[in-house]
Amino acid sequence: MKLVTFRVPTPIGWVDRLGAMVGDDVFDLNAGYALYLADQGDTCPQIMADALLPSDMLTFLQRGARAMENARLMVELYKHHEFGHGEQARTGLRNAQLVFAGNTVRLLSPLPTPTSLRDFYVFEQHVKTGFAKRGEPMPQEWYDMPVYYQSNRLTVLGPNDVIPWPHYTKKLDYELEIACVIGKGGKDIAPEQAGHHIAGYLIMNDTSARDIQKREMACRLGPAKGKGFATVLGPWLVTPDEVGDAHALEMVARINGEEWSRGNSSTATHTFAHMVSHASQCEMLQPGEIIGSGTVGTGCGLELDRWIQHGDTIELEIEKLGTLTNTVAKH
């Protein structure tokens, strides 16, 4: 499944909803499940739908496997034209605001406010290039364990959002990354069990203010202001069954339509299983936590010594995960 958070207008203002992409359509899962329960004779279908297939992504993840199974059921019924025992044609579903043409709604970050946001650093080429630019050798510790920093979970952006240009930087950068979302909590998770805790994968653009980041990290702390102003996630959350091997995906970045970066997730030294396991050591992971991979080799302007400019369009495309497009704020 491709799960989304989408925004629709209502008589009382904009409302954000949990949906699934089915072809080019966005299917409102909570509303669809309420209609399904009513058709099954449930006497309080909306109350039950809110409990068993909630209308927002974080609560949905917190409900666990049963909510995910209900979402799959709704998608399968819709795909096979069995929804509502044939009583609701596609036009009727759209009129009932259960299904929307994808170009008529605004997609947000699939998880607008994550529980936490950890970004790892697992691609050797990217890491080596960074240390070389600082005139430093690669530390053995990097090979011994996956390392990460914690970013600002409250400044998440989604597809087509404008990326702000902080007034304190002259070197804004993109970062081409994959992220996973925790769907099942746990502590001291073994690597071989980590896959059971991942709800899905999405594209992540860990935007960076490189000049202030360099100054911060010269003090052996950070990054902070160099990273915390914006992290872009989207366009949807793809469940593991559709992704297959998350470490076999082609990754491309284009700026204004020109390819700048190309890599493959297979070049990661540490896997998502190791990242999840490491993050959970002596800490309880919770549903809705984001774990980013860090930048694939050549996946940012810093490595290329090429810099994005005001008004540029950034497209990050990852096999099976879609394309995440944003523009950079103008002057």
Protein backbone atom coordinates (compact mmCIF):
# COMPACT_ATOMS: atom_id res chain seq x y z
CA MET A 1 0.00 0.00 0.00
CA LYS A 2 0.89 3.61 -0.49
CA LEU A 3 -0.42 5.50 2.53
CA VAL A 4 -0.83 9.28 2.49
CA THR A 5 -1.97 12.18 4.58
CA PHE A 6 -4.09 14.49 2.45
CA ARG A 7 -5.88 17.79 3.06
CA VAL A 8 -9.38 18.54 1.82
CA PRO A 9 -11.66 21.56 2.14
CA THR A 10 -14.83 21.24 4.22
CA PRO A 11 -17.52 23.71 5.34
CA ILE A 12 -15.60 24.14 8.61
CA GLY A 13 -12.17 24.55 7.04
CA TRP A 14 -9.31 22.35 5.91
CA VAL A 15 -9.20 18.82 7.30
CA ASP A 16 -6.29 16.37 7.18
CA ARG A 17 -7.12 12.71 6.53
CA LEU A 18 -5.44 9.33 6.20
CA GLY A 19 -5.71 7.87 2.72
CA ALA A 20 -4.33 5.29 0.35
CA MET A 21 -3.24 5.88 -3.23
CA VAL A 22 -5.12 3.52 -5.53
CA GLY A 23 -3.89 4.31 -9.02
CA ASP A 24 -4.31 8.07 -9.33
CA ASP A 25 -7.08 8.19 -6.74
CA VAL A 26 -6.85 8.97 -3.03
CA PHE A 27 -9.18 6.75 -0.99
CA ASP A 28 -10.23 8.01 2.46
CA LEU A 29 -9.65 4.89 4.57
CA ASN A 30 -11.50 5.95 7.70
CA ALA A 31 -14.61 7.13 5.82
CA GLY A 32 -14.52 4.04 3.64
CA TYR A 33 -14.30 1.75 6.66
CA ALA A 34 -17.23 3.51 8.33
CA LEU A 35 -19.34 2.94 5.21
CA TYR A 36 -18.20 -0.69 5.09
CA LEU A 37 -19.20 -1.24 8.74
CA ALA A 38 -22.58 0.41 8.14
CA ASP A 39 -23.12 -1.92 5.20
CA GLN A 40 -22.30 -4.83 7.50
CA GLY A 41 -25.03 -3.71 9.91
CA ASP A 42 -22.89 -2.07 12.59
CA THR A 43 -25.03 0.26 14.73
CA CYS A 44 -22.24 2.80 15.39
CA PRO A 45 -20.00 2.57 12.33
CA GLN A 46 -18.18 5.89 12.62
CA ILE A 47 -17.26 5.31 16.26
CA MET A 48 -15.93 1.86 15.40
CA ALA A 49 -14.08 3.17 12.35
CA ASP A 50 -12.39 5.87 14.45
CA ALA A 51 -11.25 3.16 16.85
CA LEU A 52 -10.18 0.50 14.35
CA LEU A 53 -9.01 2.57 11.35
CA PRO A 54 -8.33 6.12 12.56
CA SER A 55 -8.30 9.14 10.28
CA ASP A 56 -4.74 10.33 11.06
CA MET A 57 -1.46 8.56 10.36
CA LEU A 58 0.08 8.63 13.83
CA THR A 59 -2.99 7.21 15.58
CA PHE A 60 -3.30 4.66 12.78
CA LEU A 61 0.27 3.48 13.40
CA GLN A 62 -0.35 3.35 17.12
CA ARG A 63 -3.34 1.02 16.56
CA GLY A 64 -0.94 -1.56 15.16
CA ALA A 65 -1.47 -4.62 13.00
CA ARG A 66 -5.27 -4.65 13.16
CA ALA A 67 -5.55 -1.14 11.74
CA MET A 68 -3.11 -2.06 8.97
CA GLU A 69 -5.16 -5.15 8.12
CA ASN A 70 -8.34 -3.05 7.95
CA ALA A 71 -6.62 -0.60 5.60
CA ARG A 72 -5.55 -3.47 3.33
CA LEU A 73 -9.11 -4.78 3.29
CA MET A 74 -10.48 -1.41 2.20
CA VAL A 75 -7.90 -1.06 -0.59
CA GLU A 76 -8.56 -4.57 -1.88
CA LEU A 77 -12.34 -4.08 -1.88
CA TYR A 78 -11.95 -0.83 -3.76
CA LYS A 79 -9.50 -2.29 -6.29
CA HIS A 80 -11.84 -5.17 -7.07
CA HIS A 81 -14.97 -2.98 -7.29
CA GLU A 82 -16.55 -4.85 -4.39
CA PHE A 83 -16.83 -1.89 -2.08
CA GLY A 84 -20.34 -1.53 -0.70
CA HIS A 85 -21.49 -4.68 -2.52
CA GLY A 86 -21.49 -2.74 -5.78
CA GLU A 87 -23.91 -0.10 -4.52
CA GLN A 88 -21.38 2.72 -4.81
CA ALA A 89 -19.94 3.41 -8.24
CA ARG A 90 -16.73 5.43 -8.44
CA THR A 91 -18.69 8.60 -9.18
CA GLY A 92 -20.84 7.97 -6.14
CA LEU A 93 -17.80 7.45 -3.94
CA ARG A 94 -16.37 10.74 -5.13
CA ASN A 95 -19.66 12.51 -4.52
CA ALA A 96 -19.69 11.03 -1.03
CA GLN A 97 -16.12 12.32 -0.52
CA LEU A 98 -14.68 8.86 0.00
CA VAL A 99 -12.49 8.96 -3.12
CA PHE A 100 -10.72 11.97 -4.58
CA ALA A 101 -8.83 12.43 -7.81
CA GLY A 102 -5.22 12.77 -6.76
CA ASN A 103 -4.81 16.15 -8.47
CA THR A 104 -7.70 17.65 -6.48
CA VAL A 105 -6.25 17.22 -2.99
CA ARG A 106 -3.09 18.43 -1.33
CA LEU A 107 -0.70 15.72 -0.15
CA LEU A 108 1.12 16.51 3.08
CA SER A 109 4.02 14.67 4.63
CA PRO A 110 2.64 11.16 5.25
CA LEU A 111 3.53 11.72 8.92
CA PRO A 112 3.19 15.48 9.50
CA THR A 113 4.50 15.38 13.08
CA PRO A 114 6.65 12.32 13.76
CA THR A 115 7.12 10.99 17.26
CA SER A 116 10.86 11.56 16.79
CA LEU A 117 13.27 12.12 13.93
CA ARG A 118 16.62 10.29 13.86
CA ASP A 119 18.93 10.59 10.88
CA PHE A 120 21.75 8.09 10.45
CA TYR A 121 24.93 8.29 8.40
CA VAL A 122 25.35 4.89 6.71
CA PHE A 123 26.72 5.49 3.20
CA GLU A 124 30.52 5.24 3.21
CA GLN A 125 31.13 7.35 0.11
CA HIS A 126 29.20 10.29 1.54
CA VAL A 127 30.91 10.00 4.91
CA LYS A 128 34.41 9.64 3.42
CA THR A 129 33.89 12.69 1.24
CA GLY A 130 32.84 14.75 4.24
CA PHE A 131 35.86 13.76 6.30
CA ALA A 132 38.19 14.31 3.35
CA LYS A 133 36.87 17.86 2.87
CA ARG A 134 37.72 18.50 6.54
CA GLY A 135 41.16 16.95 6.11
CA GLU A 136 40.38 14.19 8.59
CA PRO A 137 40.65 10.38 8.35
CA MET A 138 37.62 8.09 8.52
CA PRO A 139 37.08 7.04 12.16
CA GLN A 140 36.99 3.30 12.84
CA GLU A 141 33.99 3.91 15.10
CA TRP A 142 31.87 4.64 12.03
CA TYR A 143 32.38 1.08 10.82
CA ASP A 144 31.77 -0.37 14.28
CA MET A 145 28.27 1.04 14.77
CA PRO A 146 25.62 3.10 12.96
CA VAL A 147 25.56 6.67 14.27
CA TYR A 148 22.86 9.33 14.06
CA TYR A 149 21.75 12.76 15.17
CA GLN A 150 18.27 13.81 16.29
CA SER A 151 16.55 16.52 14.31
CA ASN A 152 13.52 18.75 14.76
CA ARG A 153 10.31 16.70 14.37
CA LEU A 154 8.21 19.90 14.37
CA THR A 155 9.54 21.34 11.09
CA VAL A 156 8.56 18.53 8.74
CA LEU A 157 7.44 19.45 5.21
CA GLY A 158 5.68 17.38 2.55
CA PRO A 159 5.54 17.11 -1.25
CA ASN A 160 5.29 20.39 -3.16
CA ASP A 161 5.89 22.46 -0.03
CA VAL A 162 8.27 25.41 -0.38
CA ILE A 163 11.58 24.79 1.40
CA PRO A 164 12.47 27.87 3.45
CA TRP A 165 15.87 29.48 3.02
CA PRO A 166 17.15 30.40 6.51
CA HIS A 167 18.48 33.94 6.65
CA TYR A 168 21.71 32.74 8.29
CA THR A 169 22.94 30.54 5.44
CA LYS A 170 24.45 31.12 2.02
CA LYS A 171 24.87 27.41 1.26
CA LEU A 172 21.56 25.58 1.33
CA ASP A 173 21.79 21.92 0.36
CA TYR A 174 19.58 18.93 -0.35
CA GLU A 175 20.22 15.35 0.82
CA LEU A 176 18.93 12.28 -1.04
CA GLU A 177 17.86 9.74 1.59
CA ILE A 178 15.52 6.86 2.39
CA ALA A 179 13.71 6.73 5.72
CA CYS A 180 11.69 4.07 7.49
CA VAL A 181 8.80 4.64 9.88
CA ILE A 182 8.43 2.62 13.06
CA GLY A 183 5.06 0.91 13.23
CA LYS A 184 5.56 -1.34 16.24
CA GLY A 185 7.26 -0.18 19.41
CA GLY A 186 10.04 -2.08 21.10
CA LYS A 187 13.18 -1.97 23.19
CA ASP A 188 16.48 -3.80 22.66
CA ILE A 189 15.27 -5.07 19.29
CA ALA A 190 17.48 -7.71 17.67
CA PRO A 191 18.49 -6.96 14.05
CA GLU A 192 16.72 -10.08 12.80
CA GLN A 193 13.47 -8.84 14.39
CA ALA A 194 13.73 -5.23 13.23
CA GLY A 195 11.71 -5.78 10.06
CA HIS A 196 8.64 -6.57 12.17
CA HIS A 197 8.83 -3.05 13.61
CA ILE A 198 8.92 -1.15 10.29
CA ALA A 199 5.59 0.14 8.96
CA GLY A 200 7.01 1.38 5.68
CA TYR A 201 9.51 3.50 3.79
CA LEU A 202 9.51 6.97 2.24
CA ILE A 203 11.82 9.53 0.65
CA MET A 204 13.59 11.98 2.92
CA ASN A 205 15.27 15.28 2.03
CA ASP A 206 17.41 16.30 5.00
CA THR A 207 17.88 19.92 3.96
CA SER A 208 21.06 21.43 5.33
CA ALA A 209 22.57 24.87 5.89
CA ARG A 210 26.15 23.82 5.24
CA ASP A 211 28.00 26.94 6.38
CA ILE A 212 26.34 27.11 9.81
CA GLN A 213 26.56 23.31 10.11
CA LYS A 214 30.33 23.52 9.59
CA ARG A 215 30.67 26.14 12.32
CA GLU A 216 28.49 24.18 14.75
CA MET A 217 30.34 20.93 14.28
CA ALA A 218 33.72 22.60 14.72
CA CYS A 219 32.58 22.81 18.36
CA ARG A 220 31.96 19.02 18.40
CA LEU A 221 28.21 19.52 18.79
CA GLY A 222 25.37 19.64 16.35
CA PRO A 223 24.13 19.75 13.72
CA ALA A 224 21.39 21.98 15.09
CA LYS A 225 20.57 25.20 13.20
CA GLY A 226 22.31 23.57 10.26
CA LYS A 227 19.52 20.99 10.01
CA GLY A 228 16.53 21.75 12.20
CA PHE A 229 14.71 24.27 9.99
CA ALA A 230 13.16 21.74 7.54
CA THR A 231 13.05 18.02 6.77
CA VAL A 232 10.96 16.92 3.80
CA LEU A 233 9.17 13.53 3.83
CA GLY A 234 6.98 11.89 1.20
CA PRO A 235 5.26 11.64 -1.11
CA TRP A 236 3.74 8.57 0.56
CA LEU A 237 4.55 5.80 3.02
CA VAL A 238 5.08 2.54 1.11
CA THR A 239 4.54 -0.66 3.08
CA PRO A 240 7.39 -3.19 3.16
CA ASP A 241 5.55 -5.76 1.04
CA GLU A 242 5.56 -3.32 -1.89
CA VAL A 243 9.16 -2.22 -1.37
CA GLY A 244 10.78 -5.64 -1.05
CA ASP A 245 14.49 -5.14 -0.40
CA ALA A 246 14.98 -1.58 0.83
CA HIS A 247 18.69 -1.99 0.12
CA ALA A 248 18.32 -2.51 -3.62
CA LEU A 249 16.73 0.75 -4.77
CA GLU A 250 17.99 3.21 -7.39
CA MET A 251 18.14 6.79 -6.08
CA VAL A 252 18.27 9.95 -8.23
CA ALA A 253 18.25 13.69 -7.52
CA ARG A 254 17.42 16.31 -10.16
CA ILE A 255 17.70 20.07 -9.84
CA ASN A 256 15.54 21.99 -12.32
CA GLY A 257 15.24 18.78 -14.34
CA GLU A 258 19.01 18.15 -14.53
CA GLU A 259 20.36 15.02 -12.89
CA TRP A 260 22.88 15.90 -10.17
CA SER A 261 22.99 12.72 -8.09
CA ARG A 262 22.57 9.00 -8.66
CA GLY A 263 23.19 6.14 -6.26
CA ASN A 264 21.77 2.90 -4.92
CA SER A 265 20.67 1.96 -1.44
CA SER A 266 22.70 -1.26 -1.78
CA THR A 267 25.82 0.78 -1.01
CA ALA A 268 24.81 1.32 2.63
CA THR A 269 27.30 -0.13 5.10
CA HIS A 270 24.69 -0.43 7.86
CA THR A 271 21.18 -1.74 7.11
CA PHE A 272 17.83 -0.51 8.40
CA ALA A 273 17.77 -3.62 10.59
CA HIS A 274 20.97 -2.47 12.26
CA MET A 275 19.77 1.13 12.50
CA VAL A 276 16.51 0.14 14.18
CA SER A 277 18.28 -2.27 16.51
CA HIS A 278 20.90 0.31 17.49
CA ALA A 279 18.33 3.07 18.10
CA SER A 280 16.35 0.74 20.36
CA GLN A 281 19.19 -0.23 22.64
CA CYS A 282 18.11 0.73 26.18
CA GLU A 283 15.44 3.01 24.63
CA MET A 284 11.81 2.25 23.80
CA LEU A 285 11.02 3.01 20.19
CA GLN A 286 7.46 4.18 19.59
CA PRO A 287 5.17 4.06 16.54
CA GLY A 288 5.65 7.11 14.36
CA GLU A 289 9.41 7.47 14.81
CA ILE A 290 11.38 8.31 11.67
CA ILE A 291 14.75 6.70 11.00
CA GLY A 292 16.65 8.19 8.07
CA SER A 293 19.49 6.50 6.23
CA GLY A 294 21.69 9.51 5.70
CA THR A 295 22.77 10.64 2.25
CA VAL A 296 23.62 8.20 -0.51
CA GLY A 297 27.01 8.72 -2.16
CA THR A 298 27.03 11.90 -4.35
CA GLY A 299 23.54 12.62 -2.99
CA CYS A 300 24.08 16.25 -2.00
CA GLY A 301 25.58 19.45 -3.32
CA LEU A 302 28.36 19.44 -0.71
CA GLU A 303 29.92 16.35 -2.29
CA LEU A 304 29.57 17.79 -5.79
CA ASP A 305 30.52 21.37 -4.92
CA ARG A 306 27.30 22.45 -6.64
CA TRP A 307 24.78 24.56 -4.80
CA ILE A 308 21.06 25.03 -5.15
CA GLN A 309 19.72 28.55 -5.57
CA HIS A 310 16.60 30.48 -4.61
CA GLY A 311 13.62 29.27 -6.64
CA ASP A 312 15.18 25.97 -7.71
CA THR A 313 13.05 22.83 -8.04
CA ILE A 314 14.39 19.71 -6.30
CA GLU A 315 13.18 16.27 -7.37
CA LEU A 316 14.26 13.23 -5.38
CA GLU A 317 13.23 9.96 -7.01
CA ILE A 318 13.68 6.54 -5.42
CA GLU A 319 12.68 3.31 -7.06
CA LYS A 320 9.34 2.01 -5.67
CA LEU A 321 8.99 5.04 -3.38
CA GLY A 322 8.02 7.66 -5.97
CA THR A 323 9.25 11.22 -6.52
CA LEU A 324 9.41 13.94 -3.90
CA THR A 325 9.29 17.41 -5.47
CA ASN A 326 9.79 20.78 -3.77
CA THR A 327 10.81 24.28 -4.70
CA VAL A 328 13.23 26.43 -2.75
CA ALA A 329 12.00 29.76 -1.46
CA LYS A 330 12.73 32.77 -3.62
CA HIS A 331 14.44 35.88 -2.28
